[in-house]
Amino acid sequence: MADKGGRPVRTGPERIRKLAQAALNADVTVEQVDTILEGLSETLEDLNHSMEKLDVTLERFNGAITHINELAPRLIAVVDRMEGIVTRVERIVGMGESVIMPLAATEQVIRGALGRVRKSAGL
């Protein structure tokens, strides 16, 4: 037998009690690990379900982005046409202002003349 280094020697019943206690502790630990693993399994199933929903959402988002990309050239063309229309309207307005300026000046002269005639006539 090996030297125990001054430790008391255990008897058979003490060894059995220690082994039984160790077995009970191991059993409790195994149950705790089982409970943790069950909870982890449920969490992973929920995460898997969430990931499936996220995949569907990302596919829809990708479809929307693709649709926007397809619409972009048409929208750019519409904007270009609108800019052309605005340029033409600005030219028309500028021409209208040029035509009306002499008329407005003539109106001012006529109003001034009529005002002087009214003052001189006492009206």
N, C-alpha and C. Protein backbone atom coordinates (compact mmCIF):
# COMPACT_ATOMS: atom_id res chain seq x y z
N MET A 1 0.83 -1.18 0.00
CA MET A 1 0.00 0.00 0.00
C MET A 1 0.88 1.25 0.00
N ALA A 2 0.36 2.31 -0.61
CA ALA A 2 1.10 3.56 -0.65
C ALA A 2 0.90 4.31 0.64
N ASP A 3 1.88 5.14 0.97
CA ASP A 3 1.80 5.94 2.18
C ASP A 3 0.79 7.05 1.97
N LYS A 4 -0.14 7.25 2.89
CA LYS A 4 -1.21 8.24 2.76
C LYS A 4 -0.77 9.60 3.26
N GLY A 5 0.42 9.74 3.70
CA GLY A 5 0.94 11.04 4.12
C GLY A 5 0.28 11.56 5.37
N GLY A 6 -0.09 10.75 6.30
CA GLY A 6 -0.65 11.18 7.54
C GLY A 6 -2.15 11.37 7.53
N ARG A 7 -2.79 11.12 6.39
CA ARG A 7 -4.25 11.25 6.35
C ARG A 7 -4.88 10.01 6.95
N PRO A 8 -6.03 10.23 7.59
CA PRO A 8 -6.68 9.04 8.16
C PRO A 8 -7.22 8.15 7.05
N VAL A 9 -7.18 6.91 7.27
CA VAL A 9 -7.67 5.93 6.30
C VAL A 9 -9.18 5.83 6.44
N ARG A 10 -9.90 5.89 5.27
CA ARG A 10 -11.36 5.82 5.31
C ARG A 10 -11.79 4.37 5.38
N THR A 11 -12.90 4.23 6.00
CA THR A 11 -13.45 2.89 6.09
C THR A 11 -14.35 2.65 4.90
N GLY A 12 -14.77 1.43 4.72
CA GLY A 12 -15.64 1.05 3.60
C GLY A 12 -16.94 1.85 3.56
N PRO A 13 -17.70 1.96 4.68
CA PRO A 13 -18.94 2.72 4.65
C PRO A 13 -18.72 4.20 4.34
N GLU A 14 -17.60 4.79 4.83
CA GLU A 14 -17.33 6.19 4.51
C GLU A 14 -17.09 6.37 3.02
N ARG A 15 -16.35 5.44 2.45
CA ARG A 15 -16.10 5.49 1.01
C ARG A 15 -17.39 5.37 0.22
N ILE A 16 -18.25 4.49 0.65
CA ILE A 16 -19.52 4.30 -0.05
C ILE A 16 -20.36 5.56 0.05
N ARG A 17 -20.40 6.19 1.25
CA ARG A 17 -21.15 7.43 1.42
C ARG A 17 -20.58 8.53 0.51
N LYS A 18 -19.26 8.66 0.47
CA LYS A 18 -18.63 9.67 -0.38
C LYS A 18 -18.93 9.41 -1.86
N LEU A 19 -18.85 8.16 -2.24
CA LEU A 19 -19.15 7.81 -3.63
C LEU A 19 -20.61 8.06 -3.95
N ALA A 20 -21.51 7.73 -3.02
CA ALA A 20 -22.94 7.96 -3.23
C ALA A 20 -23.21 9.47 -3.34
N GLN A 21 -22.56 10.28 -2.48
CA GLN A 21 -22.74 11.72 -2.54
C GLN A 21 -22.20 12.27 -3.86
N ALA A 22 -21.07 11.77 -4.30
CA ALA A 22 -20.51 12.21 -5.57
C ALA A 22 -21.43 11.84 -6.72
N ALA A 23 -22.03 10.64 -6.66
CA ALA A 23 -22.97 10.21 -7.70
C ALA A 23 -24.20 11.10 -7.70
N LEU A 24 -24.71 11.47 -6.53
CA LEU A 24 -25.88 12.36 -6.44
C LEU A 24 -25.52 13.75 -7.00
N ASN A 25 -24.35 14.25 -6.63
CA ASN A 25 -23.91 15.55 -7.17
C ASN A 25 -23.78 15.50 -8.68
N ALA A 26 -23.24 14.43 -9.20
CA ALA A 26 -23.10 14.28 -10.65
C ALA A 26 -24.47 14.20 -11.30
N ASP A 27 -25.41 13.52 -10.66
CA ASP A 27 -26.76 13.41 -11.19
C ASP A 27 -27.43 14.78 -11.25
N VAL A 28 -27.28 15.57 -10.18
CA VAL A 28 -27.85 16.92 -10.15
C VAL A 28 -27.21 17.78 -11.25
N THR A 29 -25.90 17.65 -11.40
CA THR A 29 -25.19 18.41 -12.44
C THR A 29 -25.67 18.03 -13.83
N VAL A 30 -25.87 16.74 -14.04
CA VAL A 30 -26.37 16.27 -15.34
C VAL A 30 -27.77 16.82 -15.59
N GLU A 31 -28.62 16.84 -14.56
CA GLU A 31 -29.97 17.41 -14.72
C GLU A 31 -29.89 18.90 -15.06
N GLN A 32 -29.00 19.61 -14.38
CA GLN A 32 -28.84 21.04 -14.67
C GLN A 32 -28.37 21.27 -16.10
N VAL A 33 -27.41 20.47 -16.53
CA VAL A 33 -26.92 20.58 -17.91
C VAL A 33 -28.03 20.25 -18.89
N ASP A 34 -28.84 19.22 -18.58
CA ASP A 34 -29.98 18.86 -19.43
C ASP A 34 -30.96 20.02 -19.55
N THR A 35 -31.26 20.67 -18.42
CA THR A 35 -32.19 21.80 -18.42
C THR A 35 -31.63 22.94 -19.27
N ILE A 36 -30.35 23.22 -19.09
CA ILE A 36 -29.71 24.29 -19.88
C ILE A 36 -29.75 23.95 -21.37
N LEU A 37 -29.47 22.70 -21.70
CA LEU A 37 -29.47 22.30 -23.11
C LEU A 37 -30.87 22.35 -23.71
N GLU A 38 -31.89 22.00 -22.92
CA GLU A 38 -33.27 22.11 -23.42
C GLU A 38 -33.61 23.57 -23.71
N GLY A 39 -33.25 24.46 -22.76
CA GLY A 39 -33.50 25.89 -22.97
C GLY A 39 -32.74 26.41 -24.18
N LEU A 40 -31.51 25.96 -24.33
CA LEU A 40 -30.71 26.37 -25.48
C LEU A 40 -31.31 25.85 -26.78
N SER A 41 -31.84 24.65 -26.74
CA SER A 41 -32.47 24.07 -27.93
C SER A 41 -33.69 24.89 -28.33
N GLU A 42 -34.51 25.28 -27.35
CA GLU A 42 -35.69 26.12 -27.65
C GLU A 42 -35.25 27.48 -28.21
N THR A 43 -34.21 28.04 -27.61
CA THR A 43 -33.70 29.33 -28.08
C THR A 43 -33.21 29.21 -29.52
N LEU A 44 -32.50 28.15 -29.83
CA LEU A 44 -32.00 27.96 -31.19
C LEU A 44 -33.15 27.75 -32.18
N GLU A 45 -34.21 27.06 -31.76
CA GLU A 45 -35.37 26.89 -32.64
C GLU A 45 -36.03 28.25 -32.91
N ASP A 46 -36.17 29.07 -31.85
CA ASP A 46 -36.73 30.42 -32.03
C ASP A 46 -35.85 31.26 -32.94
N LEU A 47 -34.55 31.15 -32.74
CA LEU A 47 -33.61 31.90 -33.58
C LEU A 47 -33.70 31.44 -35.03
N ASN A 48 -33.84 30.15 -35.24
CA ASN A 48 -33.98 29.62 -36.60
C ASN A 48 -35.24 30.17 -37.25
N HIS A 49 -36.34 30.20 -36.50
CA HIS A 49 -37.60 30.74 -37.01
C HIS A 49 -37.45 32.23 -37.35
N SER A 50 -36.78 32.96 -36.47
CA SER A 50 -36.55 34.39 -36.72
C SER A 50 -35.69 34.59 -37.96
N MET A 51 -34.69 33.75 -38.13
CA MET A 51 -33.81 33.86 -39.30
C MET A 51 -34.59 33.57 -40.59
N GLU A 52 -35.51 32.62 -40.53
CA GLU A 52 -36.33 32.35 -41.72
C GLU A 52 -37.18 33.57 -42.08
N LYS A 53 -37.76 34.21 -41.06
CA LYS A 53 -38.55 35.42 -41.31
C LYS A 53 -37.66 36.54 -41.86
N LEU A 54 -36.45 36.66 -41.31
CA LEU A 54 -35.52 37.67 -41.79
C LEU A 54 -35.14 37.40 -43.24
N ASP A 55 -34.95 36.13 -43.60
CA ASP A 55 -34.63 35.78 -44.99
C ASP A 55 -35.76 36.22 -45.92
N VAL A 56 -37.00 35.96 -45.52
CA VAL A 56 -38.15 36.35 -46.34
C VAL A 56 -38.19 37.87 -46.49
N THR A 57 -37.97 38.58 -45.37
CA THR A 57 -37.99 40.05 -45.41
C THR A 57 -36.88 40.58 -46.30
N LEU A 58 -35.70 40.00 -46.20
CA LEU A 58 -34.59 40.45 -47.04
C LEU A 58 -34.84 40.16 -48.51
N GLU A 59 -35.50 39.06 -48.81
CA GLU A 59 -35.85 38.77 -50.21
C GLU A 59 -36.82 39.82 -50.74
N ARG A 60 -37.83 40.19 -49.93
CA ARG A 60 -38.78 41.23 -50.35
C ARG A 60 -38.07 42.56 -50.51
N PHE A 61 -37.16 42.88 -49.59
CA PHE A 61 -36.41 44.12 -49.66
C PHE A 61 -35.55 44.15 -50.93
N ASN A 62 -34.91 43.03 -51.22
CA ASN A 62 -34.09 42.93 -52.42
C ASN A 62 -34.95 43.13 -53.67
N GLY A 63 -36.16 42.56 -53.67
CA GLY A 63 -37.07 42.75 -54.79
C GLY A 63 -37.46 44.20 -54.96
N ALA A 64 -37.71 44.87 -53.83
CA ALA A 64 -38.07 46.29 -53.89
C ALA A 64 -36.91 47.12 -54.44
N ILE A 65 -35.71 46.84 -53.99
CA ILE A 65 -34.53 47.57 -54.48
C ILE A 65 -34.35 47.31 -55.97
N THR A 66 -34.54 46.09 -56.41
CA THR A 66 -34.42 45.77 -57.83
C THR A 66 -35.45 46.54 -58.63
N HIS A 67 -36.67 46.61 -58.11
CA HIS A 67 -37.74 47.34 -58.79
C HIS A 67 -37.40 48.83 -58.89
N ILE A 68 -36.86 49.39 -57.82
CA ILE A 68 -36.45 50.79 -57.83
C ILE A 68 -35.35 51.01 -58.86
N ASN A 69 -34.40 50.09 -58.90
CA ASN A 69 -33.32 50.20 -59.90
C ASN A 69 -33.86 50.16 -61.32
N GLU A 70 -34.91 49.36 -61.54
CA GLU A 70 -35.51 49.30 -62.87
C GLU A 70 -36.27 50.59 -63.20
N LEU A 71 -36.85 51.23 -62.18
CA LEU A 71 -37.60 52.46 -62.40
C LEU A 71 -36.71 53.69 -62.56
N ALA A 72 -35.51 53.63 -62.03
CA ALA A 72 -34.64 54.81 -62.03
C ALA A 72 -34.43 55.40 -63.43
N PRO A 73 -34.10 54.62 -64.46
CA PRO A 73 -33.90 55.25 -65.78
C PRO A 73 -35.16 55.95 -66.29
N ARG A 74 -36.32 55.35 -66.03
CA ARG A 74 -37.56 56.00 -66.48
C ARG A 74 -37.80 57.30 -65.73
N LEU A 75 -37.52 57.29 -64.42
CA LEU A 75 -37.69 58.51 -63.63
C LEU A 75 -36.72 59.60 -64.10
N ILE A 76 -35.52 59.21 -64.42
CA ILE A 76 -34.54 60.18 -64.92
C ILE A 76 -35.03 60.78 -66.23
N ALA A 77 -35.60 59.95 -67.10
CA ALA A 77 -36.13 60.44 -68.37
C ALA A 77 -37.28 61.42 -68.14
N VAL A 78 -38.15 61.13 -67.18
CA VAL A 78 -39.27 62.03 -66.86
C VAL A 78 -38.72 63.37 -66.35
N VAL A 79 -37.72 63.31 -65.48
CA VAL A 79 -37.13 64.54 -64.95
C VAL A 79 -36.51 65.36 -66.09
N ASP A 80 -35.82 64.68 -67.01
CA ASP A 80 -35.24 65.39 -68.15
C ASP A 80 -36.32 66.08 -68.98
N ARG A 81 -37.43 65.38 -69.24
CA ARG A 81 -38.52 65.98 -70.00
C ARG A 81 -39.11 67.17 -69.25
N MET A 82 -39.28 67.03 -67.93
CA MET A 82 -39.82 68.13 -67.13
C MET A 82 -38.88 69.34 -67.17
N GLU A 83 -37.57 69.10 -67.12
CA GLU A 83 -36.63 70.20 -67.20
C GLU A 83 -36.75 70.92 -68.55
N GLY A 84 -36.94 70.15 -69.62
CA GLY A 84 -37.15 70.75 -70.94
C GLY A 84 -38.39 71.61 -70.98
N ILE A 85 -39.47 71.10 -70.38
CA ILE A 85 -40.73 71.85 -70.34
C ILE A 85 -40.54 73.15 -69.55
N VAL A 86 -39.86 73.05 -68.39
CA VAL A 86 -39.65 74.24 -67.56
C VAL A 86 -38.82 75.27 -68.33
N THR A 87 -37.81 74.81 -69.06
CA THR A 87 -36.99 75.73 -69.85
C THR A 87 -37.84 76.45 -70.90
N ARG A 88 -38.70 75.70 -71.57
CA ARG A 88 -39.58 76.31 -72.59
C ARG A 88 -40.55 77.30 -71.97
N VAL A 89 -41.13 76.94 -70.82
CA VAL A 89 -42.06 77.84 -70.14
C VAL A 89 -41.33 79.11 -69.71
N GLU A 90 -40.10 78.98 -69.21
CA GLU A 90 -39.33 80.16 -68.83
C GLU A 90 -39.10 81.07 -70.04
N ARG A 91 -38.80 80.46 -71.18
CA ARG A 91 -38.62 81.27 -72.40
C ARG A 91 -39.91 81.99 -72.77
N ILE A 92 -41.04 81.28 -72.71
CA ILE A 92 -42.34 81.88 -73.05
C ILE A 92 -42.65 83.03 -72.10
N VAL A 93 -42.40 82.82 -70.80
CA VAL A 93 -42.66 83.87 -69.82
C VAL A 93 -41.75 85.06 -70.09
N GLY A 94 -40.49 84.81 -70.40
CA GLY A 94 -39.57 85.90 -70.72
C GLY A 94 -40.03 86.69 -71.93
N MET A 95 -40.52 85.97 -72.97
CA MET A 95 -41.04 86.66 -74.15
C MET A 95 -42.28 87.46 -73.79
N GLY A 96 -43.14 86.88 -72.97
CA GLY A 96 -44.36 87.60 -72.56
C GLY A 96 -44.02 88.86 -71.80
N GLU A 97 -43.02 88.77 -70.91
CA GLU A 97 -42.61 89.96 -70.17
C GLU A 97 -42.05 91.02 -71.12
N SER A 98 -41.29 90.56 -72.12
CA SER A 98 -40.74 91.51 -73.11
C SER A 98 -41.85 92.20 -73.88
N VAL A 99 -42.90 91.47 -74.20
CA VAL A 99 -44.02 92.04 -74.96
C VAL A 99 -44.83 92.98 -74.08
N ILE A 100 -44.99 92.65 -72.82
CA ILE A 100 -45.84 93.45 -71.94
C ILE A 100 -45.14 94.71 -71.46
N MET A 101 -43.80 94.72 -71.38
CA MET A 101 -43.09 95.90 -70.89
C MET A 101 -43.46 97.17 -71.66
N PRO A 102 -43.43 97.15 -72.98
CA PRO A 102 -43.85 98.38 -73.67
C PRO A 102 -45.30 98.74 -73.40
N LEU A 103 -46.16 97.72 -73.29
CA LEU A 103 -47.57 98.01 -72.99
C LEU A 103 -47.71 98.63 -71.60
N ALA A 104 -46.94 98.12 -70.64
CA ALA A 104 -47.00 98.66 -69.28
C ALA A 104 -46.49 100.10 -69.27
N ALA A 105 -45.42 100.36 -70.02
CA ALA A 105 -44.90 101.73 -70.09
C ALA A 105 -45.93 102.64 -70.74
N THR A 106 -46.55 102.17 -71.81
CA THR A 106 -47.59 102.97 -72.48
C THR A 106 -48.74 103.23 -71.53
N GLU A 107 -49.13 102.22 -70.76
CA GLU A 107 -50.23 102.38 -69.79
C GLU A 107 -49.87 103.44 -68.77
N GLN A 108 -48.64 103.44 -68.28
CA GLN A 108 -48.21 104.43 -67.30
C GLN A 108 -48.28 105.84 -67.89
N VAL A 109 -47.82 105.97 -69.14
CA VAL A 109 -47.87 107.28 -69.78
C VAL A 109 -49.31 107.75 -69.93
N ILE A 110 -50.19 106.86 -70.37
CA ILE A 110 -51.60 107.22 -70.57
C ILE A 110 -52.24 107.56 -69.23
N ARG A 111 -51.97 106.78 -68.18
CA ARG A 111 -52.53 107.08 -66.85
C ARG A 111 -52.04 108.45 -66.36
N GLY A 112 -50.75 108.69 -66.57
CA GLY A 112 -50.21 109.99 -66.16
C GLY A 112 -50.90 111.13 -66.90
N ALA A 113 -51.09 110.94 -68.21
CA ALA A 113 -51.74 111.98 -69.01
C ALA A 113 -53.18 112.17 -68.56
N LEU A 114 -53.89 111.07 -68.33
CA LEU A 114 -55.28 111.17 -67.87
C LEU A 114 -55.35 111.82 -66.50
N GLY A 115 -54.38 111.53 -65.64
CA GLY A 115 -54.36 112.14 -64.30
C GLY A 115 -54.18 113.62 -64.41
N ARG A 116 -53.32 114.09 -65.31
CA ARG A 116 -53.10 115.52 -65.49
C ARG A 116 -54.34 116.20 -66.06
N VAL A 117 -55.00 115.48 -67.01
CA VAL A 117 -56.23 116.03 -67.59
C VAL A 117 -57.30 116.14 -66.52
N ARG A 118 -57.43 115.18 -65.65
CA ARG A 118 -58.43 115.22 -64.56
C ARG A 118 -58.12 116.37 -63.61
N LYS A 119 -56.84 116.52 -63.29
CA LYS A 119 -56.47 117.61 -62.37
C LYS A 119 -56.77 118.97 -63.00
N SER A 120 -56.43 119.10 -64.27
CA SER A 120 -56.66 120.39 -64.93
C SER A 120 -58.15 120.62 -65.13
N ALA A 121 -58.93 119.58 -65.31
CA ALA A 121 -60.37 119.74 -65.52
C ALA A 121 -61.09 119.81 -64.18
N GLY A 122 -60.37 119.46 -63.11
CA GLY A 122 -60.98 119.51 -61.79
C GLY A 122 -61.86 118.28 -61.49
N LEU A 123 -61.61 117.19 -62.15
CA LEU A 123 -62.40 115.99 -61.92
C LEU A 123 -61.79 115.12 -60.88
